[in-house]
């Protein structure tokens, strides 16, 4: 049974930084492209960033230049470094995996979801 477990969320002031981690188990991590999505309070889930098996990356325009997605296949872990955080970044952040060689950005494409971690940015 595949499982994705996120950590690293919390409360931070605007302008601050957080690093989210997502550890995968029960799957061959190196064969999966990974992504981060987020769901702001009262809104639909939205794409944040994706990384391919070969470390190709893509980002939502709203986080480009502030967030960085990376992966460590030896640790079965994908990271999301979030800098210069804004109150509008407040959301539940979830990692996702898809058995593909390309990046992905749509929720319907996801094979596995993590349970999510709360990020709250105060103004």
C-alpha atoms as a PDB file:
ATOM      1  CA  UNK A   1       0.000   0.000   0.000  1.00  0.00           C
ATOM      2  CA  UNK A   2       1.565   3.266  -1.143  1.00  0.00           C
ATOM      3  CA  UNK A   3       1.663   6.093   1.365  1.00  0.00           C
ATOM      4  CA  UNK A   4       2.747   9.735   1.247  1.00  0.00           C
ATOM      5  CA  UNK A   5       3.328  11.550   4.540  1.00  0.00           C
ATOM      6  CA  UNK A   6       3.915  15.303   4.678  1.00  0.00           C
ATOM      7  CA  UNK A   7       5.561  17.310   7.442  1.00  0.00           C
ATOM      8  CA  UNK A   8       6.952  20.786   8.009  1.00  0.00           C
ATOM      9  CA  UNK A   9       3.827  22.913   8.039  1.00  0.00           C
ATOM     10  CA  UNK A  10       3.129  25.513  10.675  1.00  0.00           C
ATOM     11  CA  UNK A  11       2.552  29.183  11.450  1.00  0.00           C
ATOM     12  CA  UNK A  12       4.948  31.763  10.020  1.00  0.00           C
ATOM     13  CA  UNK A  13       4.964  35.524   9.604  1.00  0.00           C
ATOM     14  CA  UNK A  14       4.728  37.105   6.173  1.00  0.00           C
ATOM     15  CA  UNK A  15       8.152  37.234   4.559  1.00  0.00           C
ATOM     16  CA  UNK A  16       9.279  34.094   6.361  1.00  0.00           C
ATOM     17  CA  UNK A  17      10.200  30.635   5.081  1.00  0.00           C
ATOM     18  CA  UNK A  18       9.139  27.038   5.568  1.00  0.00           C
ATOM     19  CA  UNK A  19      10.290  23.752   4.085  1.00  0.00           C
ATOM     20  CA  UNK A  20       7.756  20.988   3.566  1.00  0.00           C
ATOM     21  CA  UNK A  21       8.783  17.357   3.243  1.00  0.00           C
ATOM     22  CA  UNK A  22       6.875  14.375   1.867  1.00  0.00           C
ATOM     23  CA  UNK A  23       8.150  10.853   2.463  1.00  0.00           C
ATOM     24  CA  UNK A  24       6.899   8.097   0.175  1.00  0.00           C
ATOM     25  CA  UNK A  25       6.637   4.417   0.995  1.00  0.00           C
ATOM     26  CA  UNK A  26       5.180   1.359  -0.706  1.00  0.00           C
ATOM     27  CA  UNK A  27       6.108   2.532  -4.208  1.00  0.00           C
ATOM     28  CA  UNK A  28       9.198   2.766  -6.406  1.00  0.00           C
ATOM     29  CA  UNK A  29       9.767   6.456  -5.761  1.00  0.00           C
ATOM     30  CA  UNK A  30      12.285   6.964  -8.570  1.00  0.00           C
ATOM     31  CA  UNK A  31       9.643   5.980 -11.131  1.00  0.00           C
ATOM     32  CA  UNK A  32       7.205   8.658  -9.987  1.00  0.00           C
ATOM     33  CA  UNK A  33       6.873  12.296 -10.850  1.00  0.00           C
ATOM     34  CA  UNK A  34       5.801  14.260  -7.776  1.00  0.00           C
ATOM     35  CA  UNK A  35       3.873  17.444  -7.159  1.00  0.00           C
ATOM     36  CA  UNK A  36       2.584  19.771  -4.475  1.00  0.00           C
ATOM     37  CA  UNK A  37      -0.971  21.084  -4.446  1.00  0.00           C
ATOM     38  CA  UNK A  38      -2.656  23.383  -1.951  1.00  0.00           C
ATOM     39  CA  UNK A  39      -6.199  24.198  -0.871  1.00  0.00           C
ATOM     40  CA  UNK A  40      -6.737  27.669   0.596  1.00  0.00           C
ATOM     41  CA  UNK A  41      -9.618  28.045   3.081  1.00  0.00           C
ATOM     42  CA  UNK A  42     -12.946  28.103   1.257  1.00  0.00           C
ATOM     43  CA  UNK A  43     -11.346  27.594  -2.153  1.00  0.00           C
ATOM     44  CA  UNK A  44     -10.652  24.808  -4.630  1.00  0.00           C
ATOM     45  CA  UNK A  45      -7.435  22.827  -4.582  1.00  0.00           C
ATOM     46  CA  UNK A  46      -4.764  24.303  -6.857  1.00  0.00           C
ATOM     47  CA  UNK A  47      -1.473  23.224  -8.351  1.00  0.00           C
ATOM     48  CA  UNK A  48       1.743  24.570  -6.825  1.00  0.00           C
ATOM     49  CA  UNK A  49       4.750  22.757  -8.323  1.00  0.00           C
ATOM     50  CA  UNK A  50       5.800  19.503  -9.954  1.00  0.00           C
ATOM     51  CA  UNK A  51       9.084  17.637 -10.457  1.00  0.00           C
ATOM     52  CA  UNK A  52       9.748  14.820 -12.897  1.00  0.00           C
ATOM     53  CA  UNK A  53      11.770  11.641 -12.414  1.00  0.00           C
ATOM     54  CA  UNK A  54      14.696  13.434 -14.091  1.00  0.00           C
ATOM     55  CA  UNK A  55      14.343  16.595 -11.942  1.00  0.00           C
ATOM     56  CA  UNK A  56      12.524  18.735 -14.480  1.00  0.00           C
ATOM     57  CA  UNK A  57      10.370  21.277 -12.637  1.00  0.00           C
ATOM     58  CA  UNK A  58       7.396  23.513 -13.261  1.00  0.00           C
ATOM     59  CA  UNK A  59       5.588  26.020 -11.038  1.00  0.00           C
ATOM     60  CA  UNK A  60       2.337  27.893 -10.746  1.00  0.00           C
ATOM     61  CA  UNK A  61       2.799  31.558 -11.644  1.00  0.00           C
ATOM     62  CA  UNK A  62       1.750  32.587  -8.128  1.00  0.00           C
ATOM     63  CA  UNK A  63       4.785  30.881  -6.533  1.00  0.00           C
ATOM     64  CA  UNK A  64       7.399  31.155  -9.281  1.00  0.00           C
ATOM     65  CA  UNK A  65      10.617  32.666  -7.937  1.00  0.00           C
ATOM     66  CA  UNK A  66       9.600  32.079  -4.304  1.00  0.00           C
ATOM     67  CA  UNK A  67       9.079  28.306  -4.038  1.00  0.00           C
ATOM     68  CA  UNK A  68      11.459  25.508  -5.030  1.00  0.00           C
ATOM     69  CA  UNK A  69      10.529  21.842  -5.436  1.00  0.00           C
ATOM     70  CA  UNK A  70      13.236  19.194  -5.159  1.00  0.00           C
ATOM     71  CA  UNK A  71      13.576  15.483  -4.532  1.00  0.00           C
ATOM     72  CA  UNK A  72      15.987  13.017  -2.947  1.00  0.00           C
ATOM     73  CA  UNK A  73      15.440   9.550  -4.399  1.00  0.00           C
ATOM     74  CA  UNK A  74      17.766   7.973  -1.833  1.00  0.00           C
ATOM     75  CA  UNK A  75      15.394   9.179   0.906  1.00  0.00           C
ATOM     76  CA  UNK A  76      12.143   8.698  -1.048  1.00  0.00           C
ATOM     77  CA  UNK A  77      11.395  12.328  -0.262  1.00  0.00           C
ATOM     78  CA  UNK A  78      10.135  15.376  -2.131  1.00  0.00           C
ATOM     79  CA  UNK A  79      10.567  18.863  -0.678  1.00  0.00           C
ATOM     80  CA  UNK A  80       8.953  22.254  -1.130  1.00  0.00           C
ATOM     81  CA  UNK A  81      11.093  25.178  -0.006  1.00  0.00           C
ATOM     82  CA  UNK A  82       8.840  28.200   0.450  1.00  0.00           C
ATOM     83  CA  UNK A  83      10.423  31.644   0.784  1.00  0.00           C
ATOM     84  CA  UNK A  84       8.993  35.147   1.032  1.00  0.00           C
ATOM     85  CA  UNK A  85       5.685  33.722   2.199  1.00  0.00           C
ATOM     86  CA  UNK A  86       2.527  35.800   1.864  1.00  0.00           C
ATOM     87  CA  UNK A  87      -0.815  35.563   3.707  1.00  0.00           C
ATOM     88  CA  UNK A  88      -2.382  34.306   0.465  1.00  0.00           C
ATOM     89  CA  UNK A  89      -0.109  31.244   0.656  1.00  0.00           C
ATOM     90  CA  UNK A  90      -2.166  30.058   3.653  1.00  0.00           C
ATOM     91  CA  UNK A  91      -3.545  26.609   2.741  1.00  0.00           C
ATOM     92  CA  UNK A  92      -3.421  22.897   3.364  1.00  0.00           C
ATOM     93  CA  UNK A  93      -0.486  21.639   1.292  1.00  0.00           C
ATOM     94  CA  UNK A  94      -0.591  18.086  -0.075  1.00  0.00           C
ATOM     95  CA  UNK A  95       1.974  16.116  -1.982  1.00  0.00           C
ATOM     96  CA  UNK A  96       0.965  13.866  -4.842  1.00  0.00           C
ATOM     97  CA  UNK A  97       2.554  11.178  -6.983  1.00  0.00           C
ATOM     98  CA  UNK A  98       1.982   9.951 -10.497  1.00  0.00           C
ATOM     99  CA  UNK A  99       3.711   7.085 -12.284  1.00  0.00           C
ATOM    100  CA  UNK A 100       4.911   9.052 -15.289  1.00  0.00           C
ATOM    101  CA  UNK A 101       8.067  10.549 -16.769  1.00  0.00           C
ATOM    102  CA  UNK A 102       6.558  14.023 -17.202  1.00  0.00           C
ATOM    103  CA  UNK A 103       5.383  16.650 -14.755  1.00  0.00           C
ATOM    104  CA  UNK A 104       1.685  16.956 -13.969  1.00  0.00           C
ATOM    105  CA  UNK A 105      -0.585  19.698 -12.680  1.00  0.00           C
ATOM    106  CA  UNK A 106      -4.140  18.373 -12.579  1.00  0.00           C
ATOM    107  CA  UNK A 107      -5.687  16.683  -9.540  1.00  0.00           C
ATOM    108  CA  UNK A 108      -7.411  14.102 -11.720  1.00  0.00           C
ATOM    109  CA  UNK A 109      -4.009  12.810 -12.874  1.00  0.00           C
ATOM    110  CA  UNK A 110      -2.836  11.899  -9.369  1.00  0.00           C
ATOM    111  CA  UNK A 111      -2.222   8.266  -8.414  1.00  0.00           C
ATOM    112  CA  UNK A 112      -1.481   8.891  -4.721  1.00  0.00           C
ATOM    113  CA  UNK A 113      -2.165  11.731  -2.276  1.00  0.00           C
ATOM    114  CA  UNK A 114      -0.707  12.618   1.083  1.00  0.00           C
ATOM    115  CA  UNK A 115      -2.956  13.652   3.963  1.00  0.00           C
ATOM    116  CA  UNK A 116      -1.873  17.295   3.865  1.00  0.00           C
ATOM    117  CA  UNK A 117      -0.118  19.720   6.195  1.00  0.00           C
ATOM    118  CA  UNK A 118      -1.394  23.151   7.254  1.00  0.00           C
ATOM    119  CA  UNK A 119       0.587  26.259   6.392  1.00  0.00           C
ATOM    120  CA  UNK A 120      -0.604  29.533   7.924  1.00  0.00           C
ATOM    121  CA  UNK A 121       1.037  32.855   7.061  1.00  0.00           C
ATOM    122  CA  UNK A 122       0.183  35.769   9.324  1.00  0.00           C
ATOM    123  CA  UNK A 123       0.327  39.383   8.150  1.00  0.00           C
END
